[in-house]
């Protein structure tokens, strides 16, 4: 992972077994067929924008606490933008829904 990356996607192709690593450096990243998506697929069963990943940073300090007492916590969210569905750990998310991701979660673009 590069020094500017906040995470890494490991993309594993189901059809040909290829594997590639993609560093996540921007606060948002799209996956789909549309040019401009960070992870780009040609398969027509993948939506033009299948899903989006976003990074948020939240403080653990309460509103009354001094900023120095709180820790910053990174949260990674997945938004399902697909008619066909996006899966996290084999659970369908559903179009328009968001789910918080954890380290090691598996994202599926097609039902296995």
PDB file of N, CA and C in Angstrom:
ATOM      1  N   UNK A   1       0.852  -1.163   0.000  1.00  0.00           N
ATOM      2  CA  UNK A   1       0.000   0.000   0.000  1.00  0.00           C
ATOM      3  C   UNK A   1       0.903   1.232   0.000  1.00  0.00           C
ATOM      4  N   UNK A   2       0.585   2.198  -0.860  1.00  0.00           N
ATOM      5  CA  UNK A   2       1.387   3.403  -0.929  1.00  0.00           C
ATOM      6  C   UNK A   2       1.165   4.251   0.319  1.00  0.00           C
ATOM      7  N   UNK A   3       2.082   5.190   0.575  1.00  0.00           N
ATOM      8  CA  UNK A   3       1.997   5.996   1.792  1.00  0.00           C
ATOM      9  C   UNK A   3       0.771   6.909   1.805  1.00  0.00           C
ATOM     10  N   UNK A   4       0.196   7.228   0.647  1.00  0.00           N
ATOM     11  CA  UNK A   4      -0.974   8.093   0.581  1.00  0.00           C
ATOM     12  C   UNK A   4      -2.283   7.308   0.581  1.00  0.00           C
ATOM     13  N   UNK A   5      -2.209   6.012   0.478  1.00  0.00           N
ATOM     14  CA  UNK A   5      -3.418   5.184   0.403  1.00  0.00           C
ATOM     15  C   UNK A   5      -3.990   4.945   1.798  1.00  0.00           C
ATOM     16  N   UNK A   6      -5.307   4.942   1.894  1.00  0.00           N
ATOM     17  CA  UNK A   6      -5.973   4.630   3.152  1.00  0.00           C
ATOM     18  C   UNK A   6      -6.446   3.186   3.188  1.00  0.00           C
ATOM     19  N   UNK A   7      -6.361   2.508   2.049  1.00  0.00           N
ATOM     20  CA  UNK A   7      -6.772   1.111   1.983  1.00  0.00           C
ATOM     21  C   UNK A   7      -6.376   0.504   0.661  1.00  0.00           C
ATOM     22  N   UNK A   8      -6.560  -0.782   0.549  1.00  0.00           N
ATOM     23  CA  UNK A   8      -6.246  -1.507  -0.674  1.00  0.00           C
ATOM     24  C   UNK A   8      -7.377  -2.474  -0.995  1.00  0.00           C
ATOM     25  N   UNK A   9      -7.797  -2.461  -2.268  1.00  0.00           N
ATOM     26  CA  UNK A   9      -8.732  -3.465  -2.760  1.00  0.00           C
ATOM     27  C   UNK A   9      -7.922  -4.570  -3.414  1.00  0.00           C
ATOM     28  N   UNK A  10      -8.274  -5.792  -3.133  1.00  0.00           N
ATOM     29  CA  UNK A  10      -7.675  -6.918  -3.836  1.00  0.00           C
ATOM     30  C   UNK A  10      -8.784  -7.490  -4.703  1.00  0.00           C
ATOM     31  N   UNK A  11      -8.669  -7.261  -6.002  1.00  0.00           N
ATOM     32  CA  UNK A  11      -9.694  -7.692  -6.958  1.00  0.00           C
ATOM     33  C   UNK A  11      -9.325  -9.059  -7.489  1.00  0.00           C
ATOM     34  N   UNK A  12     -10.248  -9.990  -7.328  1.00  0.00           N
ATOM     35  CA  UNK A  12     -10.023 -11.357  -7.796  1.00  0.00           C
ATOM     36  C   UNK A  12     -11.070 -11.652  -8.853  1.00  0.00           C
ATOM     37  N   UNK A  13     -10.625 -11.917 -10.058  1.00  0.00           N
ATOM     38  CA  UNK A  13     -11.544 -12.213 -11.160  1.00  0.00           C
ATOM     39  C   UNK A  13     -12.062 -13.627 -11.068  1.00  0.00           C
ATOM     40  N   UNK A  14     -13.384 -13.752 -11.039  1.00  0.00           N
ATOM     41  CA  UNK A  14     -13.995 -15.079 -10.921  1.00  0.00           C
ATOM     42  C   UNK A  14     -13.833 -15.887 -12.193  1.00  0.00           C
ATOM     43  N   UNK A  15     -13.807 -15.218 -13.345  1.00  0.00           N
ATOM     44  CA  UNK A  15     -13.760 -15.940 -14.615  1.00  0.00           C
ATOM     45  C   UNK A  15     -12.368 -16.471 -14.928  1.00  0.00           C
ATOM     46  N   UNK A  16     -11.354 -15.648 -14.695  1.00  0.00           N
ATOM     47  CA  UNK A  16     -10.027 -16.077 -15.114  1.00  0.00           C
ATOM     48  C   UNK A  16      -9.035 -16.202 -13.961  1.00  0.00           C
ATOM     49  N   UNK A  17      -9.473 -15.951 -12.743  1.00  0.00           N
ATOM     50  CA  UNK A  17      -8.604 -16.117 -11.592  1.00  0.00           C
ATOM     51  C   UNK A  17      -7.537 -15.040 -11.457  1.00  0.00           C
ATOM     52  N   UNK A  18      -7.625 -13.969 -12.254  1.00  0.00           N
ATOM     53  CA  UNK A  18      -6.617 -12.914 -12.144  1.00  0.00           C
ATOM     54  C   UNK A  18      -6.796 -12.179 -10.826  1.00  0.00           C
ATOM     55  N   UNK A  19      -5.719 -11.595 -10.351  1.00  0.00           N
ATOM     56  CA  UNK A  19      -5.762 -10.848  -9.104  1.00  0.00           C
ATOM     57  C   UNK A  19      -4.979  -9.564  -9.297  1.00  0.00           C
ATOM     58  N   UNK A  20      -5.551  -8.466  -8.836  1.00  0.00           N
ATOM     59  CA  UNK A  20      -4.847  -7.188  -8.898  1.00  0.00           C
ATOM     60  C   UNK A  20      -5.123  -6.425  -7.616  1.00  0.00           C
ATOM     61  N   UNK A  21      -4.151  -5.597  -7.211  1.00  0.00           N
ATOM     62  CA  UNK A  21      -4.283  -4.781  -6.017  1.00  0.00           C
ATOM     63  C   UNK A  21      -4.421  -3.328  -6.448  1.00  0.00           C
ATOM     64  N   UNK A  22      -5.388  -2.646  -5.846  1.00  0.00           N
ATOM     65  CA  UNK A  22      -5.641  -1.253  -6.169  1.00  0.00           C
ATOM     66  C   UNK A  22      -5.619  -0.454  -4.880  1.00  0.00           C
ATOM     67  N   UNK A  23      -4.692   0.515  -4.798  1.00  0.00           N
ATOM     68  CA  UNK A  23      -4.630   1.390  -3.629  1.00  0.00           C
ATOM     69  C   UNK A  23      -5.762   2.402  -3.687  1.00  0.00           C
ATOM     70  N   UNK A  24      -6.390   2.638  -2.552  1.00  0.00           N
ATOM     71  CA  UNK A  24      -7.456   3.628  -2.428  1.00  0.00           C
ATOM     72  C   UNK A  24      -6.842   4.893  -1.833  1.00  0.00           C
ATOM     73  N   UNK A  25      -6.783   5.947  -2.637  1.00  0.00           N
ATOM     74  CA  UNK A  25      -6.144   7.188  -2.214  1.00  0.00           C
ATOM     75  C   UNK A  25      -7.124   8.345  -2.066  1.00  0.00           C
ATOM     76  N   UNK A  26      -8.226   8.319  -2.807  1.00  0.00           N
ATOM     77  CA  UNK A  26      -9.232   9.376  -2.738  1.00  0.00           C
ATOM     78  C   UNK A  26     -10.326   8.972  -1.757  1.00  0.00           C
ATOM     79  N   UNK A  27     -11.087   9.966  -1.292  1.00  0.00           N
ATOM     80  CA  UNK A  27     -12.144   9.707  -0.309  1.00  0.00           C
ATOM     81  C   UNK A  27     -13.295   8.904  -0.889  1.00  0.00           C
ATOM     82  N   UNK A  28     -13.452   8.918  -2.223  1.00  0.00           N
ATOM     83  CA  UNK A  28     -14.507   8.136  -2.866  1.00  0.00           C
ATOM     84  C   UNK A  28     -13.936   7.370  -4.052  1.00  0.00           C
ATOM     85  N   UNK A  29     -14.470   6.183  -4.271  1.00  0.00           N
ATOM     86  CA  UNK A  29     -14.054   5.360  -5.401  1.00  0.00           C
ATOM     87  C   UNK A  29     -15.262   4.581  -5.908  1.00  0.00           C
ATOM     88  N   UNK A  30     -15.446   4.587  -7.213  1.00  0.00           N
ATOM     89  CA  UNK A  30     -16.555   3.862  -7.833  1.00  0.00           C
ATOM     90  C   UNK A  30     -16.038   2.592  -8.490  1.00  0.00           C
ATOM     91  N   UNK A  31     -16.912   1.595  -8.529  1.00  0.00           N
ATOM     92  CA  UNK A  31     -16.629   0.322  -9.193  1.00  0.00           C
ATOM     93  C   UNK A  31     -17.742   0.103 -10.202  1.00  0.00           C
ATOM     94  N   UNK A  32     -17.373  -0.183 -11.450  1.00  0.00           N
ATOM     95  CA  UNK A  32     -18.382  -0.422 -12.474  1.00  0.00           C
ATOM     96  C   UNK A  32     -17.815  -0.401 -13.877  1.00  0.00           C
ATOM     97  N   UNK A  33     -18.707  -0.217 -14.865  1.00  0.00           N
ATOM     98  CA  UNK A  33     -18.314  -0.203 -16.283  1.00  0.00           C
ATOM     99  C   UNK A  33     -18.030   1.200 -16.810  1.00  0.00           C
ATOM    100  N   UNK A  34     -18.507   2.201 -16.130  1.00  0.00           N
ATOM    101  CA  UNK A  34     -18.431   3.585 -16.589  1.00  0.00           C
ATOM    102  C   UNK A  34     -16.979   4.091 -16.577  1.00  0.00           C
ATOM    103  N   UNK A  35     -16.557   4.716 -17.674  1.00  0.00           N
ATOM    104  CA  UNK A  35     -15.217   5.312 -17.660  1.00  0.00           C
ATOM    105  C   UNK A  35     -15.096   6.282 -16.483  1.00  0.00           C
ATOM    106  N   UNK A  36     -13.988   6.231 -15.820  1.00  0.00           N
ATOM    107  CA  UNK A  36     -13.785   7.059 -14.639  1.00  0.00           C
ATOM    108  C   UNK A  36     -13.906   6.275 -13.347  1.00  0.00           C
ATOM    109  N   UNK A  37     -14.476   5.070 -13.412  1.00  0.00           N
ATOM    110  CA  UNK A  37     -14.524   4.221 -12.222  1.00  0.00           C
ATOM    111  C   UNK A  37     -13.105   3.779 -11.875  1.00  0.00           C
ATOM    112  N   UNK A  38     -12.783   3.731 -10.615  1.00  0.00           N
ATOM    113  CA  UNK A  38     -11.460   3.293 -10.197  1.00  0.00           C
ATOM    114  C   UNK A  38     -11.232   1.829 -10.579  1.00  0.00           C
ATOM    115  N   UNK A  39     -12.249   1.012 -10.348  1.00  0.00           N
ATOM    116  CA  UNK A  39     -12.195  -0.396 -10.749  1.00  0.00           C
ATOM    117  C   UNK A  39     -13.165  -0.533 -11.912  1.00  0.00           C
ATOM    118  N   UNK A  40     -12.620  -0.822 -13.075  1.00  0.00           N
ATOM    119  CA  UNK A  40     -13.393  -0.814 -14.320  1.00  0.00           C
ATOM    120  C   UNK A  40     -13.566  -2.236 -14.848  1.00  0.00           C
ATOM    121  N   UNK A  41     -14.822  -2.581 -15.161  1.00  0.00           N
ATOM    122  CA  UNK A  41     -15.147  -3.893 -15.722  1.00  0.00           C
ATOM    123  C   UNK A  41     -15.847  -3.715 -17.062  1.00  0.00           C
ATOM    124  N   UNK A  42     -15.723  -4.692 -17.927  1.00  0.00           N
ATOM    125  CA  UNK A  42     -16.383  -4.690 -19.232  1.00  0.00           C
ATOM    126  C   UNK A  42     -17.644  -5.549 -19.236  1.00  0.00           C
ATOM    127  N   UNK A  43     -17.787  -6.424 -18.276  1.00  0.00           N
ATOM    128  CA  UNK A  43     -18.908  -7.360 -18.183  1.00  0.00           C
ATOM    129  C   UNK A  43     -20.227  -6.586 -18.101  1.00  0.00           C
ATOM    130  N   UNK A  44     -21.166  -6.872 -19.014  1.00  0.00           N
ATOM    131  CA  UNK A  44     -22.430  -6.130 -19.062  1.00  0.00           C
ATOM    132  C   UNK A  44     -23.380  -6.473 -17.910  1.00  0.00           C
ATOM    133  N   UNK A  45     -23.061  -7.490 -17.109  1.00  0.00           N
ATOM    134  CA  UNK A  45     -23.879  -7.762 -15.929  1.00  0.00           C
ATOM    135  C   UNK A  45     -23.483  -6.858 -14.749  1.00  0.00           C
ATOM    136  N   UNK A  46     -22.385  -6.136 -14.926  1.00  0.00           N
ATOM    137  CA  UNK A  46     -21.946  -5.145 -13.941  1.00  0.00           C
ATOM    138  C   UNK A  46     -22.564  -3.809 -14.339  1.00  0.00           C
ATOM    139  N   UNK A  47     -23.150  -3.096 -13.392  1.00  0.00           N
ATOM    140  CA  UNK A  47     -23.771  -1.796 -13.679  1.00  0.00           C
ATOM    141  C   UNK A  47     -22.708  -0.756 -14.022  1.00  0.00           C
ATOM    142  N   UNK A  48     -23.149   0.317 -14.689  1.00  0.00           N
ATOM    143  CA  UNK A  48     -22.200   1.365 -15.069  1.00  0.00           C
ATOM    144  C   UNK A  48     -21.508   1.933 -13.829  1.00  0.00           C
ATOM    145  N   UNK A  49     -22.254   2.196 -12.780  1.00  0.00           N
ATOM    146  CA  UNK A  49     -21.688   2.462 -11.459  1.00  0.00           C
ATOM    147  C   UNK A  49     -22.335   1.434 -10.543  1.00  0.00           C
ATOM    148  N   UNK A  50     -21.613   0.372 -10.274  1.00  0.00           N
ATOM    149  CA  UNK A  50     -22.171  -0.762  -9.526  1.00  0.00           C
ATOM    150  C   UNK A  50     -22.246  -0.452  -8.030  1.00  0.00           C
ATOM    151  N   UNK A  51     -21.164   0.109  -7.516  1.00  0.00           N
ATOM    152  CA  UNK A  51     -21.142   0.501  -6.111  1.00  0.00           C
ATOM    153  C   UNK A  51     -20.085   1.575  -5.910  1.00  0.00           C
ATOM    154  N   UNK A  52     -20.175   2.223  -4.775  1.00  0.00           N
ATOM    155  CA  UNK A  52     -19.218   3.275  -4.423  1.00  0.00           C
ATOM    156  C   UNK A  52     -18.661   2.987  -3.037  1.00  0.00           C
ATOM    157  N   UNK A  53     -17.367   3.240  -2.892  1.00  0.00           N
ATOM    158  CA  UNK A  53     -16.713   3.161  -1.596  1.00  0.00           C
ATOM    159  C   UNK A  53     -16.415   4.579  -1.146  1.00  0.00           C
ATOM    160  N   UNK A  54     -16.624   4.862   0.125  1.00  0.00           N
ATOM    161  CA  UNK A  54     -16.298   6.199   0.625  1.00  0.00           C
ATOM    162  C   UNK A  54     -15.644   6.094   1.992  1.00  0.00           C
ATOM    163  N   UNK A  55     -14.727   7.017   2.223  1.00  0.00           N
ATOM    164  CA  UNK A  55     -14.001   7.088   3.480  1.00  0.00           C
ATOM    165  C   UNK A  55     -14.512   8.287   4.263  1.00  0.00           C
ATOM    166  N   UNK A  56     -14.850   8.072   5.521  1.00  0.00           N
ATOM    167  CA  UNK A  56     -15.189   9.175   6.408  1.00  0.00           C
ATOM    168  C   UNK A  56     -14.264   9.084   7.615  1.00  0.00           C
ATOM    169  N   UNK A  57     -13.985  10.214   8.193  1.00  0.00           N
ATOM    170  CA  UNK A  57     -13.153  10.266   9.397  1.00  0.00           C
ATOM    171  C   UNK A  57     -13.996  10.900  10.486  1.00  0.00           C
ATOM    172  N   UNK A  58     -14.146  10.187  11.588  1.00  0.00           N
ATOM    173  CA  UNK A  58     -14.959  10.666  12.701  1.00  0.00           C
ATOM    174  C   UNK A  58     -14.099  10.726  13.952  1.00  0.00           C
ATOM    175  N   UNK A  59     -14.458  11.607  14.843  1.00  0.00           N
ATOM    176  CA  UNK A  59     -13.757  11.730  16.120  1.00  0.00           C
ATOM    177  C   UNK A  59     -14.508  10.951  17.176  1.00  0.00           C
ATOM    178  N   UNK A  60     -13.776  10.318  18.065  1.00  0.00           N
ATOM    179  CA  UNK A  60     -14.405   9.604  19.173  1.00  0.00           C
ATOM    180  C   UNK A  60     -14.721  10.550  20.320  1.00  0.00           C
ATOM    181  N   UNK A  61     -14.258  11.802  20.225  1.00  0.00           N
ATOM    182  CA  UNK A  61     -14.515  12.785  21.284  1.00  0.00           C
ATOM    183  C   UNK A  61     -15.937  13.312  21.173  1.00  0.00           C
ATOM    184  N   UNK A  62     -16.578  13.520  22.281  1.00  0.00           N
ATOM    185  CA  UNK A  62     -17.902  14.116  22.300  1.00  0.00           C
ATOM    186  C   UNK A  62     -17.812  15.601  21.994  1.00  0.00           C
ATOM    187  N   UNK A  63     -18.953  16.231  21.769  1.00  0.00           N
ATOM    188  CA  UNK A  63     -18.992  17.644  21.416  1.00  0.00           C
ATOM    189  C   UNK A  63     -18.381  18.504  22.513  1.00  0.00           C
ATOM    190  N   UNK A  64     -18.517  18.113  23.785  1.00  0.00           N
ATOM    191  CA  UNK A  64     -18.004  18.921  24.886  1.00  0.00           C
ATOM    192  C   UNK A  64     -16.523  18.654  25.158  1.00  0.00           C
ATOM    193  N   UNK A  65     -16.006  17.585  24.589  1.00  0.00           N
ATOM    194  CA  UNK A  65     -14.613  17.225  24.850  1.00  0.00           C
ATOM    195  C   UNK A  65     -13.668  18.068  24.008  1.00  0.00           C
ATOM    196  N   UNK A  66     -12.467  18.235  24.536  1.00  0.00           N
ATOM    197  CA  UNK A  66     -11.455  18.942  23.760  1.00  0.00           C
ATOM    198  C   UNK A  66     -11.016  18.051  22.608  1.00  0.00           C
ATOM    199  N   UNK A  67     -10.745  18.622  21.420  1.00  0.00           N
ATOM    200  CA  UNK A  67     -10.335  17.816  20.267  1.00  0.00           C
ATOM    201  C   UNK A  67      -9.133  16.924  20.543  1.00  0.00           C
ATOM    202  N   UNK A  68      -8.222  17.381  21.420  1.00  0.00           N
ATOM    203  CA  UNK A  68      -7.008  16.604  21.681  1.00  0.00           C
ATOM    204  C   UNK A  68      -7.310  15.296  22.409  1.00  0.00           C
ATOM    205  N   UNK A  69      -8.472  15.196  23.057  1.00  0.00           N
ATOM    206  CA  UNK A  69      -8.774  13.983  23.815  1.00  0.00           C
ATOM    207  C   UNK A  69      -9.400  12.890  22.955  1.00  0.00           C
ATOM    208  N   UNK A  70      -9.909  13.257  21.801  1.00  0.00           N
ATOM    209  CA  UNK A  70     -10.561  12.274  20.943  1.00  0.00           C
ATOM    210  C   UNK A  70      -9.592  11.683  19.938  1.00  0.00           C
ATOM    211  N   UNK A  71      -9.892  10.502  19.492  1.00  0.00           N
ATOM    212  CA  UNK A  71      -9.111   9.864  18.447  1.00  0.00           C
ATOM    213  C   UNK A  71      -9.894   9.929  17.152  1.00  0.00           C
ATOM    214  N   UNK A  72      -9.188   9.970  16.043  1.00  0.00           N
ATOM    215  CA  UNK A  72      -9.847   9.938  14.748  1.00  0.00           C
ATOM    216  C   UNK A  72     -10.013   8.493  14.317  1.00  0.00           C
ATOM    217  N   UNK A  73     -11.204   8.179  13.859  1.00  0.00           N
ATOM    218  CA  UNK A  73     -11.520   6.820  13.439  1.00  0.00           C
ATOM    219  C   UNK A  73     -11.937   6.850  11.974  1.00  0.00           C
ATOM    220  N   UNK A  74     -11.255   6.048  11.170  1.00  0.00           N
ATOM    221  CA  UNK A  74     -11.629   5.942   9.761  1.00  0.00           C
ATOM    222  C   UNK A  74     -12.774   4.955   9.625  1.00  0.00           C
ATOM    223  N   UNK A  75     -13.765   5.352   8.841  1.00  0.00           N
ATOM    224  CA  UNK A  75     -14.879   4.460   8.537  1.00  0.00           C
ATOM    225  C   UNK A  75     -14.979   4.355   7.021  1.00  0.00           C
ATOM    226  N   UNK A  76     -15.100   3.137   6.540  1.00  0.00           N
ATOM    227  CA  UNK A  76     -15.243   2.893   5.107  1.00  0.00           C
ATOM    228  C   UNK A  76     -16.655   2.371   4.864  1.00  0.00           C
ATOM    229  N   UNK A  77     -17.350   3.009   3.928  1.00  0.00           N
ATOM    230  CA  UNK A  77     -18.731   2.669   3.616  1.00  0.00           C
ATOM    231  C   UNK A  77     -18.847   2.217   2.177  1.00  0.00           C
ATOM    232  N   UNK A  78     -19.748   1.282   1.933  1.00  0.00           N
ATOM    233  CA  UNK A  78     -20.078   0.839   0.582  1.00  0.00           C
ATOM    234  C   UNK A  78     -21.532   1.198   0.325  1.00  0.00           C
ATOM    235  N   UNK A  79     -21.785   1.839  -0.814  1.00  0.00           N
ATOM    236  CA  UNK A  79     -23.151   2.129  -1.248  1.00  0.00           C
ATOM    237  C   UNK A  79     -23.447   1.296  -2.484  1.00  0.00           C
ATOM    238  N   UNK A  80     -24.516   0.545  -2.440  1.00  0.00           N
ATOM    239  CA  UNK A  80     -24.945  -0.278  -3.578  1.00  0.00           C
ATOM    240  C   UNK A  80     -25.715   0.608  -4.550  1.00  0.00           C
ATOM    241  N   UNK A  81     -25.214   0.718  -5.767  1.00  0.00           N
ATOM    242  CA  UNK A  81     -25.847   1.539  -6.810  1.00  0.00           C
ATOM    243  C   UNK A  81     -26.424   0.677  -7.926  1.00  0.00           C
ATOM    244  N   UNK A  82     -26.409  -0.623  -7.758  1.00  0.00           N
ATOM    245  CA  UNK A  82     -26.739  -1.555  -8.823  1.00  0.00           C
ATOM    246  C   UNK A  82     -28.159  -2.114  -8.729  1.00  0.00           C
ATOM    247  N   UNK A  83     -28.759  -2.307  -9.885  1.00  0.00           N
ATOM    248  CA  UNK A  83     -30.044  -2.996  -9.949  1.00  0.00           C
ATOM    249  C   UNK A  83     -29.842  -4.474  -9.615  1.00  0.00           C
ATOM    250  N   UNK A  84     -28.716  -5.034 -10.040  1.00  0.00           N
ATOM    251  CA  UNK A  84     -28.434  -6.455  -9.830  1.00  0.00           C
ATOM    252  C   UNK A  84     -27.979  -6.779  -8.418  1.00  0.00           C
ATOM    253  N   UNK A  85     -27.543  -5.779  -7.672  1.00  0.00           N
ATOM    254  CA  UNK A  85     -27.127  -5.992  -6.295  1.00  0.00           C
ATOM    255  C   UNK A  85     -25.631  -6.080  -6.109  1.00  0.00           C
ATOM    256  N   UNK A  86     -25.211  -5.645  -4.943  1.00  0.00           N
ATOM    257  CA  UNK A  86     -23.832  -5.756  -4.485  1.00  0.00           C
ATOM    258  C   UNK A  86     -23.880  -6.534  -3.181  1.00  0.00           C
ATOM    259  N   UNK A  87     -22.901  -7.381  -2.969  1.00  0.00           N
ATOM    260  CA  UNK A  87     -22.881  -8.273  -1.818  1.00  0.00           C
ATOM    261  C   UNK A  87     -21.661  -7.994  -0.949  1.00  0.00           C
ATOM    262  N   UNK A  88     -21.858  -7.975   0.356  1.00  0.00           N
ATOM    263  CA  UNK A  88     -20.752  -7.887   1.300  1.00  0.00           C
ATOM    264  C   UNK A  88     -20.833  -9.132   2.163  1.00  0.00           C
ATOM    265  N   UNK A  89     -19.774  -9.917   2.091  1.00  0.00           N
ATOM    266  CA  UNK A  89     -19.727 -11.200   2.810  1.00  0.00           C
ATOM    267  C   UNK A  89     -20.962 -12.043   2.492  1.00  0.00           C
ATOM    268  N   UNK A  90     -21.304 -12.081   1.206  1.00  0.00           N
ATOM    269  CA  UNK A  90     -22.403 -12.880   0.646  1.00  0.00           C
ATOM    270  C   UNK A  90     -23.800 -12.379   1.025  1.00  0.00           C
ATOM    271  N   UNK A  91     -23.901 -11.223   1.657  1.00  0.00           N
ATOM    272  CA  UNK A  91     -25.197 -10.644   2.020  1.00  0.00           C
ATOM    273  C   UNK A  91     -25.514  -9.493   1.056  1.00  0.00           C
ATOM    274  N   UNK A  92     -26.679  -9.572   0.408  1.00  0.00           N
ATOM    275  CA  UNK A  92     -27.072  -8.532  -0.537  1.00  0.00           C
ATOM    276  C   UNK A  92     -27.346  -7.231   0.213  1.00  0.00           C
ATOM    277  N   UNK A  93     -26.795  -6.139  -0.294  1.00  0.00           N
ATOM    278  CA  UNK A  93     -26.957  -4.836   0.342  1.00  0.00           C
ATOM    279  C   UNK A  93     -28.254  -4.175  -0.121  1.00  0.00           C
ATOM    280  N   UNK A  94     -28.508  -4.158  -1.418  1.00  0.00           N
ATOM    281  CA  UNK A  94     -29.731  -3.557  -1.959  1.00  0.00           C
ATOM    282  C   UNK A  94     -29.480  -2.138  -2.436  1.00  0.00           C
ATOM    283  N   UNK A  95     -29.991  -1.854  -3.604  1.00  0.00           N
ATOM    284  CA  UNK A  95     -29.769  -0.559  -4.240  1.00  0.00           C
ATOM    285  C   UNK A  95     -30.164   0.601  -3.316  1.00  0.00           C
ATOM    286  N   UNK A  96     -29.252   1.561  -3.212  1.00  0.00           N
ATOM    287  CA  UNK A  96     -29.486   2.747  -2.397  1.00  0.00           C
ATOM    288  C   UNK A  96     -29.103   2.583  -0.934  1.00  0.00           C
ATOM    289  N   UNK A  97     -28.777   1.382  -0.517  1.00  0.00           N
ATOM    290  CA  UNK A  97     -28.391   1.135   0.876  1.00  0.00           C
ATOM    291  C   UNK A  97     -26.886   1.232   1.044  1.00  0.00           C
ATOM    292  N   UNK A  98     -26.476   1.566   2.262  1.00  0.00           N
ATOM    293  CA  UNK A  98     -25.057   1.664   2.605  1.00  0.00           C
ATOM    294  C   UNK A  98     -24.758   0.726   3.757  1.00  0.00           C
ATOM    295  N   UNK A  99     -23.527   0.239   3.768  1.00  0.00           N
ATOM    296  CA  UNK A  99     -23.073  -0.619   4.852  1.00  0.00           C
ATOM    297  C   UNK A  99     -21.630  -0.227   5.188  1.00  0.00           C
ATOM    298  N   UNK A 100     -21.323  -0.248   6.483  1.00  0.00           N
ATOM    299  CA  UNK A 100     -19.960   0.041   6.923  1.00  0.00           C
ATOM    300  C   UNK A 100     -19.123  -1.211   6.734  1.00  0.00           C
ATOM    301  N   UNK A 101     -17.946  -1.041   6.142  1.00  0.00           N
ATOM    302  CA  UNK A 101     -17.059  -2.161   5.884  1.00  0.00           C
ATOM    303  C   UNK A 101     -16.042  -2.316   7.007  1.00  0.00           C
ATOM    304  N   UNK A 102     -15.586  -3.534   7.176  1.00  0.00           N
ATOM    305  CA  UNK A 102     -14.522  -3.850   8.133  1.00  0.00           C
ATOM    306  C   UNK A 102     -13.368  -4.486   7.375  1.00  0.00           C
ATOM    307  N   UNK A 103     -12.203  -4.453   7.961  1.00  0.00           N
ATOM    308  CA  UNK A 103     -11.026  -5.057   7.359  1.00  0.00           C
ATOM    309  C   UNK A 103     -11.309  -6.521   7.041  1.00  0.00           C
ATOM    310  N   UNK A 104     -11.030  -6.916   5.820  1.00  0.00           N
ATOM    311  CA  UNK A 104     -11.219  -8.304   5.412  1.00  0.00           C
ATOM    312  C   UNK A 104     -12.567  -8.625   4.809  1.00  0.00           C
ATOM    313  N   UNK A 105     -13.492  -7.660   4.787  1.00  0.00           N
ATOM    314  CA  UNK A 105     -14.795  -7.907   4.157  1.00  0.00           C
ATOM    315  C   UNK A 105     -14.619  -8.248   2.685  1.00  0.00           C
ATOM    316  N   UNK A 106     -15.482  -9.099   2.203  1.00  0.00           N
ATOM    317  CA  UNK A 106     -15.457  -9.510   0.788  1.00  0.00           C
ATOM    318  C   UNK A 106     -16.637  -8.869   0.063  1.00  0.00           C
ATOM    319  N   UNK A 107     -16.328  -8.139  -1.003  1.00  0.00           N
ATOM    320  CA  UNK A 107     -17.342  -7.458  -1.804  1.00  0.00           C
ATOM    321  C   UNK A 107     -17.569  -8.272  -3.069  1.00  0.00           C
ATOM    322  N   UNK A 108     -18.816  -8.604  -3.344  1.00  0.00           N
ATOM    323  CA  UNK A 108     -19.159  -9.336  -4.555  1.00  0.00           C
ATOM    324  C   UNK A 108     -20.059  -8.491  -5.437  1.00  0.00           C
ATOM    325  N   UNK A 109     -19.777  -8.481  -6.724  1.00  0.00           N
ATOM    326  CA  UNK A 109     -20.578  -7.713  -7.657  1.00  0.00           C
ATOM    327  C   UNK A 109     -21.671  -8.553  -8.297  1.00  0.00           C
ATOM    328  N   UNK A 110     -21.514  -9.852  -8.260  1.00  0.00           N
ATOM    329  CA  UNK A 110     -22.500 -10.784  -8.808  1.00  0.00           C
ATOM    330  C   UNK A 110     -22.777 -11.861  -7.771  1.00  0.00           C
ATOM    331  N   UNK A 111     -23.994 -12.361  -7.780  1.00  0.00           N
ATOM    332  CA  UNK A 111     -24.326 -13.429  -6.838  1.00  0.00           C
ATOM    333  C   UNK A 111     -23.523 -14.664  -7.175  1.00  0.00           C
ATOM    334  N   UNK A 112     -22.882 -15.195  -6.163  1.00  0.00           N
ATOM    335  CA  UNK A 112     -22.014 -16.374  -6.382  1.00  0.00           C
ATOM    336  C   UNK A 112     -22.824 -17.640  -6.510  1.00  0.00           C
TER     337      UNK A 112
END
